[in-house]
Amino acid sequence: MNSSHKTLSEIPVGRFVQIRELLSEPDVCHRLREMGFCENAIVRLVVNGEGNLICEVCNTRVGLNQSIAQDIIVASFE
């Protein structure tokens, strides 16, 4: 993994990032893409709580658990 890439669970609240890669099982990746978590999509982390987080993607807030967020590789969006 590139040093500028992190997992979605590692970024600070309020930061905009771009999804680079989904590393989950194929069925989980498929579901994430259906919800808007596609490669190159822009995501903003809204809440990073204990065990769960809330992201804004495609103008919609979506909750994810930390284990799924750890399988979403992101990079800073400039």
PDB file of N, CA and C in Angstrom:
ATOM      1  N   MET A   1       0.851  -1.173   0.000  1.00  0.00           N
ATOM      2  CA  MET A   1       0.000   0.000   0.000  1.00  0.00           C
ATOM      3  C   MET A   1       0.896   1.235   0.000  1.00  0.00           C
ATOM      4  N   ASN A   2       0.576   2.208  -0.814  1.00  0.00           N
ATOM      5  CA  ASN A   2       1.291   3.467  -0.910  1.00  0.00           C
ATOM      6  C   ASN A   2       1.212   4.176   0.440  1.00  0.00           C
ATOM      7  N   SER A   3       2.292   4.880   0.836  1.00  0.00           N
ATOM      8  CA  SER A   3       2.309   5.537   2.145  1.00  0.00           C
ATOM      9  C   SER A   3       1.262   6.639   2.265  1.00  0.00           C
ATOM     10  N   SER A   4       0.791   7.199   1.140  1.00  0.00           N
ATOM     11  CA  SER A   4      -0.247   8.224   1.212  1.00  0.00           C
ATOM     12  C   SER A   4      -1.642   7.601   1.288  1.00  0.00           C
ATOM     13  N   HIS A   5      -1.719   6.291   1.135  1.00  0.00           N
ATOM     14  CA  HIS A   5      -3.004   5.593   1.217  1.00  0.00           C
ATOM     15  C   HIS A   5      -3.189   5.063   2.631  1.00  0.00           C
ATOM     16  N   LYS A   6      -4.417   5.188   3.116  1.00  0.00           N
ATOM     17  CA  LYS A   6      -4.789   4.677   4.433  1.00  0.00           C
ATOM     18  C   LYS A   6      -6.113   3.965   4.285  1.00  0.00           C
ATOM     19  N   THR A   7      -6.554   3.344   5.370  1.00  0.00           N
ATOM     20  CA  THR A   7      -7.894   2.772   5.347  1.00  0.00           C
ATOM     21  C   THR A   7      -8.883   3.848   5.779  1.00  0.00           C
ATOM     22  N   LEU A   8     -10.128   3.646   5.424  1.00  0.00           N
ATOM     23  CA  LEU A   8     -11.164   4.617   5.775  1.00  0.00           C
ATOM     24  C   LEU A   8     -11.256   4.805   7.287  1.00  0.00           C
ATOM     25  N   SER A   9     -10.973   3.768   8.047  1.00  0.00           N
ATOM     26  CA  SER A   9     -11.058   3.867   9.509  1.00  0.00           C
ATOM     27  C   SER A   9      -9.918   4.687  10.113  1.00  0.00           C
ATOM     28  N   GLU A  10      -8.886   4.998   9.338  1.00  0.00           N
ATOM     29  CA  GLU A  10      -7.721   5.723   9.857  1.00  0.00           C
ATOM     30  C   GLU A  10      -7.756   7.235   9.629  1.00  0.00           C
ATOM     31  N   ILE A  11      -8.701   7.723   8.853  1.00  0.00           N
ATOM     32  CA  ILE A  11      -8.669   9.142   8.514  1.00  0.00           C
ATOM     33  C   ILE A  11      -9.382   9.981   9.570  1.00  0.00           C
ATOM     34  N   PRO A  12      -9.022  11.241   9.702  1.00  0.00           N
ATOM     35  CA  PRO A  12      -9.674  12.115  10.682  1.00  0.00           C
ATOM     36  C   PRO A  12     -11.100  12.495  10.259  1.00  0.00           C
ATOM     37  N   VAL A  13     -11.931  12.723  11.250  1.00  0.00           N
ATOM     38  CA  VAL A  13     -13.308  13.163  11.006  1.00  0.00           C
ATOM     39  C   VAL A  13     -13.276  14.493  10.254  1.00  0.00           C
ATOM     40  N   GLY A  14     -14.161  14.616   9.260  1.00  0.00           N
ATOM     41  CA  GLY A  14     -14.258  15.835   8.472  1.00  0.00           C
ATOM     42  C   GLY A  14     -13.427  15.826   7.203  1.00  0.00           C
ATOM     43  N   ARG A  15     -12.510  14.901   7.082  1.00  0.00           N
ATOM     44  CA  ARG A  15     -11.600  14.843   5.933  1.00  0.00           C
ATOM     45  C   ARG A  15     -12.296  14.232   4.721  1.00  0.00           C
ATOM     46  N   PHE A  16     -12.044  14.798   3.551  1.00  0.00           N
ATOM     47  CA  PHE A  16     -12.503  14.226   2.290  1.00  0.00           C
ATOM     48  C   PHE A  16     -11.397  13.343   1.745  1.00  0.00           C
ATOM     49  N   VAL A  17     -11.751  12.145   1.295  1.00  0.00           N
ATOM     50  CA  VAL A  17     -10.788  11.218   0.706  1.00  0.00           C
ATOM     51  C   VAL A  17     -11.394  10.595  -0.546  1.00  0.00           C
ATOM     52  N   GLN A  18     -10.542   9.993  -1.339  1.00  0.00           N
ATOM     53  CA  GLN A  18     -10.979   9.302  -2.546  1.00  0.00           C
ATOM     54  C   GLN A  18     -10.712   7.811  -2.368  1.00  0.00           C
ATOM     55  N   ILE A  19     -11.715   7.008  -2.671  1.00  0.00           N
ATOM     56  CA  ILE A  19     -11.561   5.559  -2.550  1.00  0.00           C
ATOM     57  C   ILE A  19     -10.636   5.064  -3.654  1.00  0.00           C
ATOM     58  N   ARG A  20      -9.647   4.277  -3.278  1.00  0.00           N
ATOM     59  CA  ARG A  20      -8.689   3.715  -4.230  1.00  0.00           C
ATOM     60  C   ARG A  20      -8.944   2.232  -4.503  1.00  0.00           C
ATOM     61  N   GLU A  21      -9.336   1.489  -3.447  1.00  0.00           N
ATOM     62  CA  GLU A  21      -9.467   0.043  -3.611  1.00  0.00           C
ATOM     63  C   GLU A  21     -10.354  -0.528  -2.509  1.00  0.00           C
ATOM     64  N   LEU A  22     -11.120  -1.549  -2.851  1.00  0.00           N
ATOM     65  CA  LEU A  22     -11.928  -2.296  -1.881  1.00  0.00           C
ATOM     66  C   LEU A  22     -11.290  -3.669  -1.720  1.00  0.00           C
ATOM     67  N   LEU A  23     -11.012  -4.060  -0.483  1.00  0.00           N
ATOM     68  CA  LEU A  23     -10.291  -5.307  -0.223  1.00  0.00           C
ATOM     69  C   LEU A  23     -11.148  -6.386   0.428  1.00  0.00           C
ATOM     70  N   SER A  24     -12.441  -6.183   0.531  1.00  0.00           N
ATOM     71  CA  SER A  24     -13.337  -7.151   1.177  1.00  0.00           C
ATOM     72  C   SER A  24     -13.633  -8.329   0.260  1.00  0.00           C
ATOM     73  N   GLU A  25     -14.441  -9.235   0.781  1.00  0.00           N
ATOM     74  CA  GLU A  25     -14.942 -10.357  -0.011  1.00  0.00           C
ATOM     75  C   GLU A  25     -15.750  -9.820  -1.185  1.00  0.00           C
ATOM     76  N   PRO A  26     -15.819 -10.537  -2.303  1.00  0.00           N
ATOM     77  CA  PRO A  26     -16.537 -10.038  -3.486  1.00  0.00           C
ATOM     78  C   PRO A  26     -17.972  -9.595  -3.222  1.00  0.00           C
ATOM     79  N   ASP A  27     -18.720 -10.345  -2.396  1.00  0.00           N
ATOM     80  CA  ASP A  27     -20.107  -9.944  -2.141  1.00  0.00           C
ATOM     81  C   ASP A  27     -20.189  -8.653  -1.328  1.00  0.00           C
ATOM     82  N   VAL A  28     -19.240  -8.445  -0.412  1.00  0.00           N
ATOM     83  CA  VAL A  28     -19.202  -7.208   0.371  1.00  0.00           C
ATOM     84  C   VAL A  28     -18.804  -6.042  -0.535  1.00  0.00           C
ATOM     85  N   CYS A  29     -17.809  -6.246  -1.401  1.00  0.00           N
ATOM     86  CA  CYS A  29     -17.398  -5.205  -2.354  1.00  0.00           C
ATOM     87  C   CYS A  29     -18.561  -4.819  -3.259  1.00  0.00           C
ATOM     88  N   HIS A  30     -19.311  -5.808  -3.704  1.00  0.00           N
ATOM     89  CA  HIS A  30     -20.456  -5.539  -4.564  1.00  0.00           C
ATOM     90  C   HIS A  30     -21.481  -4.663  -3.835  1.00  0.00           C
ATOM     91  N   ARG A  31     -21.761  -4.989  -2.599  1.00  0.00           N
ATOM     92  CA  ARG A  31     -22.727  -4.214  -1.814  1.00  0.00           C
ATOM     93  C   ARG A  31     -22.216  -2.799  -1.555  1.00  0.00           C
ATOM     94  N   LEU A  32     -20.924  -2.666  -1.244  1.00  0.00           N
ATOM     95  CA  LEU A  32     -20.346  -1.337  -1.037  1.00  0.00           C
ATOM     96  C   LEU A  32     -20.478  -0.482  -2.297  1.00  0.00           C
ATOM     97  N   ARG A  33     -20.213  -1.073  -3.446  1.00  0.00           N
ATOM     98  CA  ARG A  33     -20.345  -0.333  -4.710  1.00  0.00           C
ATOM     99  C   ARG A  33     -21.795   0.084  -4.947  1.00  0.00           C
ATOM    100  N   GLU A  34     -22.748  -0.771  -4.588  1.00  0.00           N
ATOM    101  CA  GLU A  34     -24.165  -0.418  -4.722  1.00  0.00           C
ATOM    102  C   GLU A  34     -24.519   0.795  -3.856  1.00  0.00           C
ATOM    103  N   MET A  35     -23.832   0.949  -2.715  1.00  0.00           N
ATOM    104  CA  MET A  35     -24.097   2.067  -1.804  1.00  0.00           C
ATOM    105  C   MET A  35     -23.320   3.323  -2.183  1.00  0.00           C
ATOM    106  N   GLY A  36     -22.480   3.229  -3.218  1.00  0.00           N
ATOM    107  CA  GLY A  36     -21.726   4.395  -3.669  1.00  0.00           C
ATOM    108  C   GLY A  36     -20.255   4.381  -3.328  1.00  0.00           C
ATOM    109  N   PHE A  37     -19.805   3.359  -2.610  1.00  0.00           N
ATOM    110  CA  PHE A  37     -18.392   3.250  -2.244  1.00  0.00           C
ATOM    111  C   PHE A  37     -17.605   2.592  -3.380  1.00  0.00           C
ATOM    112  N   CYS A  38     -17.528   3.296  -4.501  1.00  0.00           N
ATOM    113  CA  CYS A  38     -16.837   2.797  -5.693  1.00  0.00           C
ATOM    114  C   CYS A  38     -15.427   3.370  -5.735  1.00  0.00           C
ATOM    115  N   GLU A  39     -14.553   2.710  -6.469  1.00  0.00           N
ATOM    116  CA  GLU A  39     -13.231   3.244  -6.692  1.00  0.00           C
ATOM    117  C   GLU A  39     -13.367   4.640  -7.307  1.00  0.00           C
ATOM    118  N   ASN A  40     -12.583   5.566  -6.823  1.00  0.00           N
ATOM    119  CA  ASN A  40     -12.534   6.979  -7.229  1.00  0.00           C
ATOM    120  C   ASN A  40     -13.656   7.837  -6.646  1.00  0.00           C
ATOM    121  N   ALA A  41     -14.597   7.259  -5.897  1.00  0.00           N
ATOM    122  CA  ALA A  41     -15.644   8.055  -5.257  1.00  0.00           C
ATOM    123  C   ALA A  41     -15.033   8.911  -4.145  1.00  0.00           C
ATOM    124  N   ILE A  42     -15.609  10.088  -3.943  1.00  0.00           N
ATOM    125  CA  ILE A  42     -15.174  10.992  -2.878  1.00  0.00           C
ATOM    126  C   ILE A  42     -16.055  10.747  -1.653  1.00  0.00           C
ATOM    127  N   VAL A  43     -15.406  10.561  -0.506  1.00  0.00           N
ATOM    128  CA  VAL A  43     -16.093  10.225   0.743  1.00  0.00           C
ATOM    129  C   VAL A  43     -15.624  11.195   1.826  1.00  0.00           C
ATOM    130  N   ARG A  44     -16.559  11.591   2.697  1.00  0.00           N
ATOM    131  CA  ARG A  44     -16.191  12.406   3.865  1.00  0.00           C
ATOM    132  C   ARG A  44     -16.561  11.631   5.114  1.00  0.00           C
ATOM    133  N   LEU A  45     -15.617  11.520   6.035  1.00  0.00           N
ATOM    134  CA  LEU A  45     -15.889  10.859   7.305  1.00  0.00           C
ATOM    135  C   LEU A  45     -16.599  11.854   8.222  1.00  0.00           C
ATOM    136  N   VAL A  46     -17.795  11.491   8.684  1.00  0.00           N
ATOM    137  CA  VAL A  46     -18.618  12.370   9.513  1.00  0.00           C
ATOM    138  C   VAL A  46     -18.443  12.039  10.988  1.00  0.00           C
ATOM    139  N   VAL A  47     -18.484  10.753  11.332  1.00  0.00           N
ATOM    140  CA  VAL A  47     -18.351  10.310  12.725  1.00  0.00           C
ATOM    141  C   VAL A  47     -17.496   9.057  12.748  1.00  0.00           C
ATOM    142  N   ASN A  48     -16.558   9.007  13.674  1.00  0.00           N
ATOM    143  CA  ASN A  48     -15.767   7.796  13.880  1.00  0.00           C
ATOM    144  C   ASN A  48     -15.916   7.418  15.340  1.00  0.00           C
ATOM    145  N   GLY A  49     -16.919   6.575  15.595  1.00  0.00           N
ATOM    146  CA  GLY A  49     -17.220   6.171  16.965  1.00  0.00           C
ATOM    147  C   GLY A  49     -16.649   4.806  17.270  1.00  0.00           C
ATOM    148  N   GLU A  50     -16.909   4.347  18.453  1.00  0.00           N
ATOM    149  CA  GLU A  50     -16.400   3.054  18.888  1.00  0.00           C
ATOM    150  C   GLU A  50     -17.095   1.932  18.132  1.00  0.00           C
ATOM    151  N   GLY A  51     -16.370   1.308  17.223  1.00  0.00           N
ATOM    152  CA  GLY A  51     -16.905   0.182  16.471  1.00  0.00           C
ATOM    153  C   GLY A  51     -17.616   0.535  15.183  1.00  0.00           C
ATOM    154  N   ASN A  52     -18.058   1.778  15.026  1.00  0.00           N
ATOM    155  CA  ASN A  52     -18.806   2.181  13.837  1.00  0.00           C
ATOM    156  C   ASN A  52     -18.362   3.556  13.367  1.00  0.00           C
ATOM    157  N   LEU A  53     -18.651   3.842  12.108  1.00  0.00           N
ATOM    158  CA  LEU A  53     -18.423   5.186  11.606  1.00  0.00           C
ATOM    159  C   LEU A  53     -19.518   5.554  10.630  1.00  0.00           C
ATOM    160  N   ILE A  54     -19.668   6.844  10.413  1.00  0.00           N
ATOM    161  CA  ILE A  54     -20.650   7.367   9.467  1.00  0.00           C
ATOM    162  C   ILE A  54     -19.893   8.167   8.422  1.00  0.00           C
ATOM    163  N   CYS A  55     -20.169   7.865   7.165  1.00  0.00           N
ATOM    164  CA  CYS A  55     -19.535   8.543   6.046  1.00  0.00           C
ATOM    165  C   CYS A  55     -20.597   9.205   5.195  1.00  0.00           C
ATOM    166  N   GLU A  56     -20.181  10.236   4.487  1.00  0.00           N
ATOM    167  CA  GLU A  56     -21.051  10.849   3.496  1.00  0.00           C
ATOM    168  C   GLU A  56     -20.479  10.506   2.126  1.00  0.00           C
ATOM    169  N   VAL A  57     -21.284   9.834   1.326  1.00  0.00           N
ATOM    170  CA  VAL A  57     -20.894   9.443  -0.023  1.00  0.00           C
ATOM    171  C   VAL A  57     -22.102   9.666  -0.924  1.00  0.00           C
ATOM    172  N   CYS A  58     -21.899  10.277  -2.060  1.00  0.00           N
ATOM    173  CA  CYS A  58     -22.996  10.576  -3.000  1.00  0.00           C
ATOM    174  C   CYS A  58     -24.125  11.344  -2.314  1.00  0.00           C
ATOM    175  N   ASN A  59     -23.766  12.319  -1.472  1.00  0.00           N
ATOM    176  CA  ASN A  59     -24.727  13.155  -0.747  1.00  0.00           C
ATOM    177  C   ASN A  59     -25.640  12.368   0.184  1.00  0.00           C
ATOM    178  N   THR A  60     -25.189  11.193   0.627  1.00  0.00           N
ATOM    179  CA  THR A  60     -25.956  10.361   1.542  1.00  0.00           C
ATOM    180  C   THR A  60     -25.051   9.912   2.680  1.00  0.00           C
ATOM    181  N   ARG A  61     -25.585   9.912   3.888  1.00  0.00           N
ATOM    182  CA  ARG A  61     -24.817   9.408   5.030  1.00  0.00           C
ATOM    183  C   ARG A  61     -25.057   7.912   5.177  1.00  0.00           C
ATOM    184  N   VAL A  62     -23.951   7.189   5.343  1.00  0.00           N
ATOM    185  CA  VAL A  62     -24.002   5.732   5.418  1.00  0.00           C
ATOM    186  C   VAL A  62     -23.175   5.283   6.615  1.00  0.00           C
ATOM    187  N   GLY A  63     -23.722   4.363   7.402  1.00  0.00           N
ATOM    188  CA  GLY A  63     -22.993   3.796   8.529  1.00  0.00           C
ATOM    189  C   GLY A  63     -22.269   2.528   8.128  1.00  0.00           C
ATOM    190  N   LEU A  64     -21.042   2.384   8.613  1.00  0.00           N
ATOM    191  CA  LEU A  64     -20.233   1.182   8.374  1.00  0.00           C
ATOM    192  C   LEU A  64     -19.621   0.742   9.687  1.00  0.00           C
ATOM    193  N   ASN A  65     -19.356  -0.562   9.803  1.00  0.00           N
ATOM    194  CA  ASN A  65     -18.602  -0.988  10.980  1.00  0.00           C
ATOM    195  C   ASN A  65     -17.107  -0.880  10.681  1.00  0.00           C
ATOM    196  N   GLN A  66     -16.320  -0.846  11.727  1.00  0.00           N
ATOM    197  CA  GLN A  66     -14.874  -0.633  11.586  1.00  0.00           C
ATOM    198  C   GLN A  66     -14.190  -1.710  10.741  1.00  0.00           C
ATOM    199  N   SER A  67     -14.651  -2.954  10.832  1.00  0.00           N
ATOM    200  CA  SER A  67     -13.978  -4.018  10.076  1.00  0.00           C
ATOM    201  C   SER A  67     -14.144  -3.826   8.577  1.00  0.00           C
ATOM    202  N   ILE A  68     -15.293  -3.347   8.147  1.00  0.00           N
ATOM    203  CA  ILE A  68     -15.489  -3.059   6.723  1.00  0.00           C
ATOM    204  C   ILE A  68     -14.679  -1.822   6.338  1.00  0.00           C
ATOM    205  N   ALA A  69     -14.679  -0.798   7.186  1.00  0.00           N
ATOM    206  CA  ALA A  69     -13.927   0.429   6.896  1.00  0.00           C
ATOM    207  C   ALA A  69     -12.437   0.148   6.753  1.00  0.00           C
ATOM    208  N   GLN A  70     -11.944  -0.867   7.449  1.00  0.00           N
ATOM    209  CA  GLN A  70     -10.523  -1.223   7.349  1.00  0.00           C
ATOM    210  C   GLN A  70     -10.187  -1.876   6.018  1.00  0.00           C
ATOM    211  N   ASP A  71     -11.193  -2.305   5.277  1.00  0.00           N
ATOM    212  CA  ASP A  71     -10.975  -2.915   3.968  1.00  0.00           C
ATOM    213  C   ASP A  71     -11.184  -1.924   2.813  1.00  0.00           C
ATOM    214  N   ILE A  72     -11.390  -0.654   3.140  1.00  0.00           N
ATOM    215  CA  ILE A  72     -11.561   0.377   2.118  1.00  0.00           C
ATOM    216  C   ILE A  72     -10.312   1.253   2.123  1.00  0.00           C
ATOM    217  N   ILE A  73      -9.516   1.143   1.060  1.00  0.00           N
ATOM    218  CA  ILE A  73      -8.271   1.903   0.952  1.00  0.00           C
ATOM    219  C   ILE A  73      -8.592   3.251   0.303  1.00  0.00           C
ATOM    220  N   VAL A  74      -8.122   4.320   0.961  1.00  0.00           N
ATOM    221  CA  VAL A  74      -8.416   5.669   0.488  1.00  0.00           C
ATOM    222  C   VAL A  74      -7.123   6.470   0.360  1.00  0.00           C
ATOM    223  N   ALA A  75      -7.205   7.570  -0.363  1.00  0.00           N
ATOM    224  CA  ALA A  75      -6.091   8.505  -0.497  1.00  0.00           C
ATOM    225  C   ALA A  75      -6.637   9.909  -0.305  1.00  0.00           C
ATOM    226  N   SER A  76      -5.788  10.821   0.111  1.00  0.00           N
ATOM    227  CA  SER A  76      -6.212  12.213   0.280  1.00  0.00           C
ATOM    228  C   SER A  76      -6.770  12.762  -1.011  1.00  0.00           C
ATOM    229  N   PHE A  77      -7.826  13.541  -0.874  1.00  0.00           N
ATOM    230  CA  PHE A  77      -8.445  14.187  -2.023  1.00  0.00           C
ATOM    231  C   PHE A  77      -8.015  15.641  -2.014  1.00  0.00           C
ATOM    232  N   GLU A  78      -7.318  16.031  -3.018  1.00  0.00           N
ATOM    233  CA  GLU A  78      -6.805  17.415  -3.123  1.00  0.00           C
ATOM    234  C   GLU A  78      -7.611  18.176  -4.122  1.00  0.00           C
TER     235      GLU A  78
END
